[in-house]
């Protein structure tokens, strides 16, 4: 991730208006199952603005992309990052098909134990 972090620090979006077109492209890539591209674009947004809502949602979408590629540990790491950043839509997380590959994982269950 070092290259994406450096790029985001140098020329990443500063606010939601700048991030929106990148976010939309990342969603299109995700929907097209081009997860390498979508994960990279979402990381670009996240590393540029990790404490802003679009950065937090990007972290969640990174988790989804990793879950769908079978990279469960990475997916759980990013799911934890998104929750720690303030992503609180537990109903959506429980219903999101993208996270289905994680449902049997102990870390996943622990995240939702008291929610």
PDB file of N, CA and C in Angstrom:
ATOM      1  N   UNK A   1       0.804  -1.207   0.000  1.00  0.00           N
ATOM      2  CA  UNK A   1       0.000   0.000   0.000  1.00  0.00           C
ATOM      3  C   UNK A   1       0.844   1.268   0.000  1.00  0.00           C
ATOM      4  N   UNK A   2       2.132   1.123   0.175  1.00  0.00           N
ATOM      5  CA  UNK A   2       2.981   2.305   0.302  1.00  0.00           C
ATOM      6  C   UNK A   2       2.858   3.232  -0.901  1.00  0.00           C
ATOM      7  N   UNK A   3       2.796   2.659  -2.098  1.00  0.00           N
ATOM      8  CA  UNK A   3       2.700   3.498  -3.291  1.00  0.00           C
ATOM      9  C   UNK A   3       1.381   4.273  -3.337  1.00  0.00           C
ATOM     10  N   UNK A   4       0.290   3.648  -2.915  1.00  0.00           N
ATOM     11  CA  UNK A   4      -1.011   4.317  -2.909  1.00  0.00           C
ATOM     12  C   UNK A   4      -1.026   5.403  -1.829  1.00  0.00           C
ATOM     13  N   UNK A   5      -0.407   5.111  -0.684  1.00  0.00           N
ATOM     14  CA  UNK A   5      -0.331   6.116   0.391  1.00  0.00           C
ATOM     15  C   UNK A   5       0.426   7.364  -0.080  1.00  0.00           C
ATOM     16  N   UNK A   6       1.558   7.149  -0.726  1.00  0.00           N
ATOM     17  CA  UNK A   6       2.374   8.271  -1.204  1.00  0.00           C
ATOM     18  C   UNK A   6       1.604   9.071  -2.248  1.00  0.00           C
ATOM     19  N   UNK A   7       1.004   8.378  -3.190  1.00  0.00           N
ATOM     20  CA  UNK A   7       0.230   9.055  -4.231  1.00  0.00           C
ATOM     21  C   UNK A   7      -0.934   9.843  -3.628  1.00  0.00           C
ATOM     22  N   UNK A   8      -1.630   9.254  -2.664  1.00  0.00           N
ATOM     23  CA  UNK A   8      -2.756   9.932  -2.018  1.00  0.00           C
ATOM     24  C   UNK A   8      -2.292  11.163  -1.253  1.00  0.00           C
ATOM     25  N   UNK A   9      -1.138  11.059  -0.611  1.00  0.00           N
ATOM     26  CA  UNK A   9      -0.607  12.214   0.125  1.00  0.00           C
ATOM     27  C   UNK A   9      -0.234  13.343  -0.829  1.00  0.00           C
ATOM     28  N   UNK A  10       0.286  12.996  -1.987  1.00  0.00           N
ATOM     29  CA  UNK A  10       0.729  14.008  -2.960  1.00  0.00           C
ATOM     30  C   UNK A  10      -0.416  14.638  -3.718  1.00  0.00           C
ATOM     31  N   UNK A  11      -1.351  13.803  -4.192  1.00  0.00           N
ATOM     32  CA  UNK A  11      -2.384  14.353  -5.071  1.00  0.00           C
ATOM     33  C   UNK A  11      -3.772  13.770  -4.840  1.00  0.00           C
ATOM     34  N   UNK A  12      -4.012  13.325  -3.619  1.00  0.00           N
ATOM     35  CA  UNK A  12      -5.317  12.756  -3.290  1.00  0.00           C
ATOM     36  C   UNK A  12      -6.374  13.823  -3.095  1.00  0.00           C
ATOM     37  N   UNK A  13      -7.630  13.418  -3.092  1.00  0.00           N
ATOM     38  CA  UNK A  13      -8.728  14.371  -2.904  1.00  0.00           C
ATOM     39  C   UNK A  13      -8.681  14.990  -1.501  1.00  0.00           C
ATOM     40  N   UNK A  14      -9.085  16.242  -1.436  1.00  0.00           N
ATOM     41  CA  UNK A  14      -9.086  16.968  -0.158  1.00  0.00           C
ATOM     42  C   UNK A  14     -10.471  17.021   0.480  1.00  0.00           C
ATOM     43  N   UNK A  15     -11.494  16.778  -0.333  1.00  0.00           N
ATOM     44  CA  UNK A  15     -12.861  16.828   0.187  1.00  0.00           C
ATOM     45  C   UNK A  15     -13.749  15.913  -0.643  1.00  0.00           C
ATOM     46  N   UNK A  16     -15.011  15.819  -0.234  1.00  0.00           N
ATOM     47  CA  UNK A  16     -15.947  14.912  -0.908  1.00  0.00           C
ATOM     48  C   UNK A  16     -16.152  15.271  -2.378  1.00  0.00           C
ATOM     49  N   UNK A  17     -16.152  16.563  -2.690  1.00  0.00           N
ATOM     50  CA  UNK A  17     -16.339  16.972  -4.089  1.00  0.00           C
ATOM     51  C   UNK A  17     -15.228  16.446  -4.978  1.00  0.00           C
ATOM     52  N   UNK A  18     -13.999  16.500  -4.493  1.00  0.00           N
ATOM     53  CA  UNK A  18     -12.869  15.981  -5.271  1.00  0.00           C
ATOM     54  C   UNK A  18     -12.873  14.443  -5.306  1.00  0.00           C
ATOM     55  N   UNK A  19     -13.353  13.844  -4.236  1.00  0.00           N
ATOM     56  CA  UNK A  19     -13.331  12.381  -4.141  1.00  0.00           C
ATOM     57  C   UNK A  19     -14.459  11.714  -4.917  1.00  0.00           C
ATOM     58  N   UNK A  20     -15.578  12.408  -5.098  1.00  0.00           N
ATOM     59  CA  UNK A  20     -16.785  11.800  -5.688  1.00  0.00           C
ATOM     60  C   UNK A  20     -16.537  11.128  -7.034  1.00  0.00           C
ATOM     61  N   UNK A  21     -15.861  11.784  -8.005  1.00  0.00           N
ATOM     62  CA  UNK A  21     -15.653  11.082  -9.282  1.00  0.00           C
ATOM     63  C   UNK A  21     -14.790   9.824  -9.147  1.00  0.00           C
ATOM     64  N   UNK A  22     -13.819   9.863  -8.273  1.00  0.00           N
ATOM     65  CA  UNK A  22     -12.966   8.693  -8.046  1.00  0.00           C
ATOM     66  C   UNK A  22     -13.795   7.593  -7.392  1.00  0.00           C
ATOM     67  N   UNK A  23     -14.608   7.976  -6.414  1.00  0.00           N
ATOM     68  CA  UNK A  23     -15.477   7.037  -5.720  1.00  0.00           C
ATOM     69  C   UNK A  23     -16.439   6.363  -6.702  1.00  0.00           C
ATOM     70  N   UNK A  24     -17.029   7.165  -7.580  1.00  0.00           N
ATOM     71  CA  UNK A  24     -17.963   6.618  -8.569  1.00  0.00           C
ATOM     72  C   UNK A  24     -17.260   5.642  -9.517  1.00  0.00           C
ATOM     73  N   UNK A  25     -16.042   5.973  -9.933  1.00  0.00           N
ATOM     74  CA  UNK A  25     -15.263   5.064 -10.794  1.00  0.00           C
ATOM     75  C   UNK A  25     -14.951   3.770 -10.044  1.00  0.00           C
ATOM     76  N   UNK A  26     -14.616   3.894  -8.779  1.00  0.00           N
ATOM     77  CA  UNK A  26     -14.306   2.709  -7.972  1.00  0.00           C
ATOM     78  C   UNK A  26     -15.535   1.810  -7.838  1.00  0.00           C
ATOM     79  N   UNK A  27     -16.701   2.418  -7.650  1.00  0.00           N
ATOM     80  CA  UNK A  27     -17.938   1.623  -7.577  1.00  0.00           C
ATOM     81  C   UNK A  27     -18.204   0.894  -8.892  1.00  0.00           C
ATOM     82  N   UNK A  28     -17.986   1.589 -10.002  1.00  0.00           N
ATOM     83  CA  UNK A  28     -18.177   0.942 -11.314  1.00  0.00           C
ATOM     84  C   UNK A  28     -17.214  -0.223 -11.472  1.00  0.00           C
ATOM     85  N   UNK A  29     -15.967  -0.045 -11.079  1.00  0.00           N
ATOM     86  CA  UNK A  29     -14.989  -1.127 -11.166  1.00  0.00           C
ATOM     87  C   UNK A  29     -15.399  -2.291 -10.269  1.00  0.00           C
ATOM     88  N   UNK A  30     -15.890  -1.979  -9.072  1.00  0.00           N
ATOM     89  CA  UNK A  30     -16.355  -3.023  -8.149  1.00  0.00           C
ATOM     90  C   UNK A  30     -17.519  -3.802  -8.770  1.00  0.00           C
ATOM     91  N   UNK A  31     -18.490  -3.075  -9.319  1.00  0.00           N
ATOM     92  CA  UNK A  31     -19.645  -3.723  -9.943  1.00  0.00           C
ATOM     93  C   UNK A  31     -19.240  -4.581 -11.140  1.00  0.00           C
ATOM     94  N   UNK A  32     -18.173  -4.167 -11.825  1.00  0.00           N
ATOM     95  CA  UNK A  32     -17.666  -4.920 -12.971  1.00  0.00           C
ATOM     96  C   UNK A  32     -16.729  -6.056 -12.542  1.00  0.00           C
ATOM     97  N   UNK A  33     -16.584  -6.224 -11.224  1.00  0.00           N
ATOM     98  CA  UNK A  33     -15.724  -7.255 -10.644  1.00  0.00           C
ATOM     99  C   UNK A  33     -14.242  -7.037 -10.948  1.00  0.00           C
ATOM    100  N   UNK A  34     -13.883  -5.780 -11.194  1.00  0.00           N
ATOM    101  CA  UNK A  34     -12.480  -5.409 -11.357  1.00  0.00           C
ATOM    102  C   UNK A  34     -11.987  -4.944  -9.982  1.00  0.00           C
ATOM    103  N   UNK A  35     -11.814  -5.917  -9.090  1.00  0.00           N
ATOM    104  CA  UNK A  35     -11.554  -5.611  -7.697  1.00  0.00           C
ATOM    105  C   UNK A  35     -10.177  -4.999  -7.457  1.00  0.00           C
ATOM    106  N   UNK A  36      -9.182  -5.378  -8.241  1.00  0.00           N
ATOM    107  CA  UNK A  36      -7.865  -4.765  -8.066  1.00  0.00           C
ATOM    108  C   UNK A  36      -7.954  -3.250  -8.259  1.00  0.00           C
ATOM    109  N   UNK A  37      -8.653  -2.841  -9.305  1.00  0.00           N
ATOM    110  CA  UNK A  37      -8.805  -1.413  -9.578  1.00  0.00           C
ATOM    111  C   UNK A  37      -9.675  -0.744  -8.519  1.00  0.00           C
ATOM    112  N   UNK A  38     -10.796  -1.349  -8.176  1.00  0.00           N
ATOM    113  CA  UNK A  38     -11.691  -0.709  -7.200  1.00  0.00           C
ATOM    114  C   UNK A  38     -11.006  -0.574  -5.842  1.00  0.00           C
ATOM    115  N   UNK A  39     -10.309  -1.607  -5.410  1.00  0.00           N
ATOM    116  CA  UNK A  39      -9.617  -1.544  -4.118  1.00  0.00           C
ATOM    117  C   UNK A  39      -8.568  -0.439  -4.136  1.00  0.00           C
ATOM    118  N   UNK A  40      -7.826  -0.347  -5.211  1.00  0.00           N
ATOM    119  CA  UNK A  40      -6.794   0.696  -5.308  1.00  0.00           C
ATOM    120  C   UNK A  40      -7.426   2.092  -5.254  1.00  0.00           C
ATOM    121  N   UNK A  41      -8.509   2.302  -5.987  1.00  0.00           N
ATOM    122  CA  UNK A  41      -9.155   3.615  -6.000  1.00  0.00           C
ATOM    123  C   UNK A  41      -9.761   3.953  -4.640  1.00  0.00           C
ATOM    124  N   UNK A  42     -10.389   2.975  -4.004  1.00  0.00           N
ATOM    125  CA  UNK A  42     -10.941   3.225  -2.676  1.00  0.00           C
ATOM    126  C   UNK A  42      -9.824   3.512  -1.667  1.00  0.00           C
ATOM    127  N   UNK A  43      -8.697   2.806  -1.789  1.00  0.00           N
ATOM    128  CA  UNK A  43      -7.567   3.089  -0.901  1.00  0.00           C
ATOM    129  C   UNK A  43      -7.032   4.498  -1.133  1.00  0.00           C
ATOM    130  N   UNK A  44      -6.983   4.925  -2.384  1.00  0.00           N
ATOM    131  CA  UNK A  44      -6.527   6.276  -2.713  1.00  0.00           C
ATOM    132  C   UNK A  44      -7.369   7.309  -1.961  1.00  0.00           C
ATOM    133  N   UNK A  45      -8.675   7.109  -1.972  1.00  0.00           N
ATOM    134  CA  UNK A  45      -9.576   8.015  -1.242  1.00  0.00           C
ATOM    135  C   UNK A  45      -9.349   7.883   0.253  1.00  0.00           C
ATOM    136  N   UNK A  46      -9.315   6.663   0.745  1.00  0.00           N
ATOM    137  CA  UNK A  46      -9.165   6.454   2.184  1.00  0.00           C
ATOM    138  C   UNK A  46      -7.887   7.106   2.709  1.00  0.00           C
ATOM    139  N   UNK A  47      -6.763   6.837   2.051  1.00  0.00           N
ATOM    140  CA  UNK A  47      -5.493   7.373   2.546  1.00  0.00           C
ATOM    141  C   UNK A  47      -5.434   8.894   2.449  1.00  0.00           C
ATOM    142  N   UNK A  48      -6.162   9.479   1.532  1.00  0.00           N
ATOM    143  CA  UNK A  48      -6.193  10.934   1.403  1.00  0.00           C
ATOM    144  C   UNK A  48      -7.074  11.575   2.471  1.00  0.00           C
ATOM    145  N   UNK A  49      -8.124  10.884   2.885  1.00  0.00           N
ATOM    146  CA  UNK A  49      -9.086  11.476   3.820  1.00  0.00           C
ATOM    147  C   UNK A  49      -9.700  10.418   4.742  1.00  0.00           C
ATOM    148  N   UNK A  50      -8.876   9.798   5.589  1.00  0.00           N
ATOM    149  CA  UNK A  50      -9.338   8.669   6.403  1.00  0.00           C
ATOM    150  C   UNK A  50     -10.381   9.006   7.461  1.00  0.00           C
ATOM    151  N   UNK A  51     -10.460  10.233   7.856  1.00  0.00           N
ATOM    152  CA  UNK A  51     -11.400  10.595   8.926  1.00  0.00           C
ATOM    153  C   UNK A  51     -12.704  11.186   8.398  1.00  0.00           C
ATOM    154  N   UNK A  52     -12.773  11.381   7.097  1.00  0.00           N
ATOM    155  CA  UNK A  52     -13.986  11.950   6.496  1.00  0.00           C
ATOM    156  C   UNK A  52     -14.920  10.809   6.086  1.00  0.00           C
ATOM    157  N   UNK A  53     -16.226  11.104   6.044  1.00  0.00           N
ATOM    158  CA  UNK A  53     -17.191  10.031   5.729  1.00  0.00           C
ATOM    159  C   UNK A  53     -16.880   9.254   4.454  1.00  0.00           C
ATOM    160  N   UNK A  54     -16.469   9.924   3.392  1.00  0.00           N
ATOM    161  CA  UNK A  54     -16.198   9.192   2.158  1.00  0.00           C
ATOM    162  C   UNK A  54     -14.977   8.286   2.313  1.00  0.00           C
ATOM    163  N   UNK A  55     -14.036   8.679   3.127  1.00  0.00           N
ATOM    164  CA  UNK A  55     -12.890   7.823   3.413  1.00  0.00           C
ATOM    165  C   UNK A  55     -13.298   6.584   4.193  1.00  0.00           C
ATOM    166  N   UNK A  56     -14.179   6.772   5.164  1.00  0.00           N
ATOM    167  CA  UNK A  56     -14.665   5.649   5.976  1.00  0.00           C
ATOM    168  C   UNK A  56     -15.477   4.679   5.119  1.00  0.00           C
ATOM    169  N   UNK A  57     -16.334   5.202   4.268  1.00  0.00           N
ATOM    170  CA  UNK A  57     -17.122   4.335   3.378  1.00  0.00           C
ATOM    171  C   UNK A  57     -16.188   3.628   2.389  1.00  0.00           C
ATOM    172  N   UNK A  58     -15.150   4.307   1.964  1.00  0.00           N
ATOM    173  CA  UNK A  58     -14.171   3.670   1.076  1.00  0.00           C
ATOM    174  C   UNK A  58     -13.508   2.490   1.774  1.00  0.00           C
ATOM    175  N   UNK A  59     -13.173   2.641   3.052  1.00  0.00           N
ATOM    176  CA  UNK A  59     -12.589   1.529   3.810  1.00  0.00           C
ATOM    177  C   UNK A  59     -13.549   0.336   3.833  1.00  0.00           C
ATOM    178  N   UNK A  60     -14.829   0.615   4.025  1.00  0.00           N
ATOM    179  CA  UNK A  60     -15.837  -0.455   3.996  1.00  0.00           C
ATOM    180  C   UNK A  60     -15.850  -1.148   2.636  1.00  0.00           C
ATOM    181  N   UNK A  61     -15.794  -0.354   1.566  1.00  0.00           N
ATOM    182  CA  UNK A  61     -15.818  -0.938   0.226  1.00  0.00           C
ATOM    183  C   UNK A  61     -14.551  -1.723  -0.084  1.00  0.00           C
ATOM    184  N   UNK A  62     -13.439  -1.333   0.498  1.00  0.00           N
ATOM    185  CA  UNK A  62     -12.206  -2.119   0.374  1.00  0.00           C
ATOM    186  C   UNK A  62     -12.426  -3.493   1.014  1.00  0.00           C
ATOM    187  N   UNK A  63     -13.058  -3.500   2.185  1.00  0.00           N
ATOM    188  CA  UNK A  63     -13.368  -4.772   2.855  1.00  0.00           C
ATOM    189  C   UNK A  63     -14.222  -5.653   1.949  1.00  0.00           C
ATOM    190  N   UNK A  64     -15.204  -5.053   1.307  1.00  0.00           N
ATOM    191  CA  UNK A  64     -16.077  -5.811   0.400  1.00  0.00           C
ATOM    192  C   UNK A  64     -15.279  -6.407  -0.756  1.00  0.00           C
ATOM    193  N   UNK A  65     -14.424  -5.609  -1.356  1.00  0.00           N
ATOM    194  CA  UNK A  65     -13.613  -6.094  -2.472  1.00  0.00           C
ATOM    195  C   UNK A  65     -12.712  -7.245  -2.067  1.00  0.00           C
ATOM    196  N   UNK A  66     -12.058  -7.102  -0.926  1.00  0.00           N
ATOM    197  CA  UNK A  66     -11.197  -8.187  -0.453  1.00  0.00           C
ATOM    198  C   UNK A  66     -12.015  -9.436  -0.115  1.00  0.00           C
ATOM    199  N   UNK A  67     -13.187  -9.262   0.471  1.00  0.00           N
ATOM    200  CA  UNK A  67     -14.024 -10.427   0.788  1.00  0.00           C
ATOM    201  C   UNK A  67     -14.383 -11.190  -0.481  1.00  0.00           C
ATOM    202  N   UNK A  68     -14.718 -10.459  -1.529  1.00  0.00           N
ATOM    203  CA  UNK A  68     -15.127 -11.099  -2.783  1.00  0.00           C
ATOM    204  C   UNK A  68     -13.966 -11.744  -3.531  1.00  0.00           C
ATOM    205  N   UNK A  69     -12.740 -11.369  -3.205  1.00  0.00           N
ATOM    206  CA  UNK A  69     -11.576 -12.000  -3.834  1.00  0.00           C
ATOM    207  C   UNK A  69     -10.997 -13.116  -2.969  1.00  0.00           C
ATOM    208  N   UNK A  70     -11.660 -13.385  -1.835  1.00  0.00           N
ATOM    209  CA  UNK A  70     -11.213 -14.468  -0.974  1.00  0.00           C
ATOM    210  C   UNK A  70     -10.098 -14.093  -0.010  1.00  0.00           C
ATOM    211  N   UNK A  71      -9.754 -12.838   0.059  1.00  0.00           N
ATOM    212  CA  UNK A  71      -8.700 -12.374   0.967  1.00  0.00           C
ATOM    213  C   UNK A  71      -9.353 -11.959   2.289  1.00  0.00           C
ATOM    214  N   UNK A  72      -9.749 -12.965   3.041  1.00  0.00           N
ATOM    215  CA  UNK A  72     -10.568 -12.746   4.232  1.00  0.00           C
ATOM    216  C   UNK A  72      -9.870 -11.916   5.303  1.00  0.00           C
ATOM    217  N   UNK A  73      -8.598 -12.181   5.549  1.00  0.00           N
ATOM    218  CA  UNK A  73      -7.898 -11.423   6.589  1.00  0.00           C
ATOM    219  C   UNK A  73      -7.819  -9.942   6.222  1.00  0.00           C
ATOM    220  N   UNK A  74      -7.498  -9.660   4.962  1.00  0.00           N
ATOM    221  CA  UNK A  74      -7.476  -8.261   4.513  1.00  0.00           C
ATOM    222  C   UNK A  74      -8.872  -7.651   4.639  1.00  0.00           C
ATOM    223  N   UNK A  75      -9.875  -8.417   4.253  1.00  0.00           N
ATOM    224  CA  UNK A  75     -11.255  -7.923   4.329  1.00  0.00           C
ATOM    225  C   UNK A  75     -11.628  -7.588   5.773  1.00  0.00           C
ATOM    226  N   UNK A  76     -11.294  -8.457   6.683  1.00  0.00           N
ATOM    227  CA  UNK A  76     -11.617  -8.213   8.089  1.00  0.00           C
ATOM    228  C   UNK A  76     -10.831  -7.033   8.645  1.00  0.00           C
ATOM    229  N   UNK A  77      -9.567  -6.908   8.231  1.00  0.00           N
ATOM    230  CA  UNK A  77      -8.772  -5.740   8.649  1.00  0.00           C
ATOM    231  C   UNK A  77      -9.476  -4.453   8.243  1.00  0.00           C
ATOM    232  N   UNK A  78      -9.906  -4.391   6.985  1.00  0.00           N
ATOM    233  CA  UNK A  78     -10.539  -3.173   6.477  1.00  0.00           C
ATOM    234  C   UNK A  78     -11.936  -2.971   7.040  1.00  0.00           C
ATOM    235  N   UNK A  79     -12.626  -4.042   7.342  1.00  0.00           N
ATOM    236  CA  UNK A  79     -13.928  -3.906   7.987  1.00  0.00           C
ATOM    237  C   UNK A  79     -13.737  -3.284   9.379  1.00  0.00           C
ATOM    238  N   UNK A  80     -12.723  -3.745  10.085  1.00  0.00           N
ATOM    239  CA  UNK A  80     -12.413  -3.165  11.399  1.00  0.00           C
ATOM    240  C   UNK A  80     -12.014  -1.695  11.274  1.00  0.00           C
ATOM    241  N   UNK A  81     -11.232  -1.371  10.255  1.00  0.00           N
ATOM    242  CA  UNK A  81     -10.840   0.023  10.027  1.00  0.00           C
ATOM    243  C   UNK A  81     -12.067   0.887   9.784  1.00  0.00           C
ATOM    244  N   UNK A  82     -12.989   0.388   8.976  1.00  0.00           N
ATOM    245  CA  UNK A  82     -14.184   1.184   8.670  1.00  0.00           C
ATOM    246  C   UNK A  82     -15.040   1.403   9.916  1.00  0.00           C
ATOM    247  N   UNK A  83     -15.195   0.372  10.724  1.00  0.00           N
ATOM    248  CA  UNK A  83     -15.990   0.492  11.944  1.00  0.00           C
ATOM    249  C   UNK A  83     -15.293   1.430  12.933  1.00  0.00           C
ATOM    250  N   UNK A  84     -13.981   1.281  13.083  1.00  0.00           N
ATOM    251  CA  UNK A  84     -13.231   2.167  13.980  1.00  0.00           C
ATOM    252  C   UNK A  84     -13.314   3.620  13.516  1.00  0.00           C
ATOM    253  N   UNK A  85     -13.444   3.807  12.202  1.00  0.00           N
ATOM    254  CA  UNK A  85     -13.545   5.154  11.641  1.00  0.00           C
ATOM    255  C   UNK A  85     -14.927   5.764  11.767  1.00  0.00           C
ATOM    256  N   UNK A  86     -15.902   4.930  12.143  1.00  0.00           N
ATOM    257  CA  UNK A  86     -17.238   5.458  12.354  1.00  0.00           C
ATOM    258  C   UNK A  86     -18.330   4.850  11.497  1.00  0.00           C
ATOM    259  N   UNK A  87     -17.996   3.874  10.674  1.00  0.00           N
ATOM    260  CA  UNK A  87     -19.042   3.229   9.878  1.00  0.00           C
ATOM    261  C   UNK A  87     -19.919   2.407  10.821  1.00  0.00           C
ATOM    262  N   UNK A  88     -21.194   2.748  10.903  1.00  0.00           N
ATOM    263  CA  UNK A  88     -22.077   2.161  11.896  1.00  0.00           C
ATOM    264  C   UNK A  88     -23.324   1.479  11.323  1.00  0.00           C
ATOM    265  N   UNK A  89     -23.394   1.312  10.018  1.00  0.00           N
ATOM    266  CA  UNK A  89     -24.600   0.739   9.419  1.00  0.00           C
ATOM    267  C   UNK A  89     -24.557  -0.793   9.522  1.00  0.00           C
ATOM    268  N   UNK A  90     -24.769  -1.278  10.749  1.00  0.00           N
ATOM    269  CA  UNK A  90     -24.679  -2.715  11.004  1.00  0.00           C
ATOM    270  C   UNK A  90     -25.750  -3.508  10.268  1.00  0.00           C
ATOM    271  N   UNK A  91     -26.918  -2.937  10.105  1.00  0.00           N
ATOM    272  CA  UNK A  91     -27.977  -3.607   9.346  1.00  0.00           C
ATOM    273  C   UNK A  91     -27.488  -3.878   7.922  1.00  0.00           C
ATOM    274  N   UNK A  92     -26.907  -2.867   7.291  1.00  0.00           N
ATOM    275  CA  UNK A  92     -26.385  -3.039   5.932  1.00  0.00           C
ATOM    276  C   UNK A  92     -25.273  -4.081   5.910  1.00  0.00           C
ATOM    277  N   UNK A  93     -24.361  -4.002   6.876  1.00  0.00           N
ATOM    278  CA  UNK A  93     -23.250  -4.960   6.904  1.00  0.00           C
ATOM    279  C   UNK A  93     -23.756  -6.390   7.049  1.00  0.00           C
ATOM    280  N   UNK A  94     -24.795  -6.570   7.835  1.00  0.00           N
ATOM    281  CA  UNK A  94     -25.345  -7.918   8.013  1.00  0.00           C
ATOM    282  C   UNK A  94     -26.017  -8.441   6.749  1.00  0.00           C
ATOM    283  N   UNK A  95     -26.530  -7.535   5.922  1.00  0.00           N
ATOM    284  CA  UNK A  95     -27.273  -7.943   4.724  1.00  0.00           C
ATOM    285  C   UNK A  95     -26.446  -7.879   3.439  1.00  0.00           C
ATOM    286  N   UNK A  96     -25.314  -7.212   3.475  1.00  0.00           N
ATOM    287  CA  UNK A  96     -24.507  -7.003   2.272  1.00  0.00           C
ATOM    288  C   UNK A  96     -23.921  -8.330   1.786  1.00  0.00           C
ATOM    289  N   UNK A  97     -24.339  -8.742   0.607  1.00  0.00           N
ATOM    290  CA  UNK A  97     -23.887 -10.018   0.030  1.00  0.00           C
ATOM    291  C   UNK A  97     -22.367 -10.042  -0.172  1.00  0.00           C
ATOM    292  N   UNK A  98     -21.777  -8.868  -0.362  1.00  0.00           N
ATOM    293  CA  UNK A  98     -20.322  -8.811  -0.550  1.00  0.00           C
ATOM    294  C   UNK A  98     -19.577  -9.390   0.655  1.00  0.00           C
ATOM    295  N   UNK A  99     -20.167  -9.304   1.814  1.00  0.00           N
ATOM    296  CA  UNK A  99     -19.512  -9.796   3.026  1.00  0.00           C
ATOM    297  C   UNK A  99     -19.851 -11.245   3.351  1.00  0.00           C
ATOM    298  N   UNK A 100     -20.653 -11.898   2.528  1.00  0.00           N
ATOM    299  CA  UNK A 100     -21.025 -13.295   2.776  1.00  0.00           C
ATOM    300  C   UNK A 100     -19.814 -14.201   3.021  1.00  0.00           C
ATOM    301  N   UNK A 101     -18.709 -14.035   2.290  1.00  0.00           N
ATOM    302  CA  UNK A 101     -17.559 -14.918   2.533  1.00  0.00           C
ATOM    303  C   UNK A 101     -16.970 -14.803   3.946  1.00  0.00           C
ATOM    304  N   UNK A 102     -17.331 -13.754   4.675  1.00  0.00           N
ATOM    305  CA  UNK A 102     -16.761 -13.531   6.000  1.00  0.00           C
ATOM    306  C   UNK A 102     -17.644 -14.031   7.137  1.00  0.00           C
ATOM    307  N   UNK A 103     -18.869 -14.345   6.850  1.00  0.00           N
ATOM    308  CA  UNK A 103     -19.856 -14.593   7.906  1.00  0.00           C
ATOM    309  C   UNK A 103     -19.469 -15.702   8.888  1.00  0.00           C
ATOM    310  N   UNK A 104     -18.744 -16.695   8.429  1.00  0.00           N
ATOM    311  CA  UNK A 104     -18.346 -17.794   9.314  1.00  0.00           C
ATOM    312  C   UNK A 104     -17.057 -17.536  10.076  1.00  0.00           C
ATOM    313  N   UNK A 105     -16.410 -16.423   9.813  1.00  0.00           N
ATOM    314  CA  UNK A 105     -15.132 -16.121  10.448  1.00  0.00           C
ATOM    315  C   UNK A 105     -15.318 -15.611  11.879  1.00  0.00           C
ATOM    316  N   UNK A 106     -14.469 -16.078  12.778  1.00  0.00           N
ATOM    317  CA  UNK A 106     -14.544 -15.687  14.188  1.00  0.00           C
ATOM    318  C   UNK A 106     -14.428 -14.169  14.358  1.00  0.00           C
ATOM    319  N   UNK A 107     -13.504 -13.544  13.646  1.00  0.00           N
ATOM    320  CA  UNK A 107     -13.343 -12.085  13.761  1.00  0.00           C
ATOM    321  C   UNK A 107     -14.603 -11.351  13.330  1.00  0.00           C
ATOM    322  N   UNK A 108     -15.241 -11.833  12.289  1.00  0.00           N
ATOM    323  CA  UNK A 108     -16.486 -11.218  11.824  1.00  0.00           C
ATOM    324  C   UNK A 108     -17.550 -11.327  12.916  1.00  0.00           C
ATOM    325  N   UNK A 109     -17.712 -12.517  13.449  1.00  0.00           N
ATOM    326  CA  UNK A 109     -18.735 -12.731  14.480  1.00  0.00           C
ATOM    327  C   UNK A 109     -18.459 -11.852  15.703  1.00  0.00           C
ATOM    328  N   UNK A 110     -17.200 -11.704  16.049  1.00  0.00           N
ATOM    329  CA  UNK A 110     -16.833 -10.874  17.205  1.00  0.00           C
ATOM    330  C   UNK A 110     -17.206  -9.417  16.968  1.00  0.00           C
ATOM    331  N   UNK A 111     -17.039  -8.938  15.736  1.00  0.00           N
ATOM    332  CA  UNK A 111     -17.397  -7.551  15.418  1.00  0.00           C
ATOM    333  C   UNK A 111     -18.880  -7.274  15.621  1.00  0.00           C
ATOM    334  N   UNK A 112     -19.687  -8.295  15.458  1.00  0.00           N
ATOM    335  CA  UNK A 112     -21.138  -8.123  15.515  1.00  0.00           C
ATOM    336  C   UNK A 112     -21.765  -8.701  16.782  1.00  0.00           C
ATOM    337  N   UNK A 113     -20.955  -9.203  17.683  1.00  0.00           N
ATOM    338  CA  UNK A 113     -21.477  -9.885  18.868  1.00  0.00           C
ATOM    339  C   UNK A 113     -22.392  -9.003  19.705  1.00  0.00           C
ATOM    340  N   UNK A 114     -22.071  -7.746  19.835  1.00  0.00           N
ATOM    341  CA  UNK A 114     -22.878  -6.878  20.692  1.00  0.00           C
ATOM    342  C   UNK A 114     -23.622  -5.806  19.898  1.00  0.00           C
ATOM    343  N   UNK A 115     -23.768  -6.006  18.603  1.00  0.00           N
ATOM    344  CA  UNK A 115     -24.434  -5.008  17.747  1.00  0.00           C
ATOM    345  C   UNK A 115     -25.816  -5.482  17.330  1.00  0.00           C
TER     346      UNK A 115
END
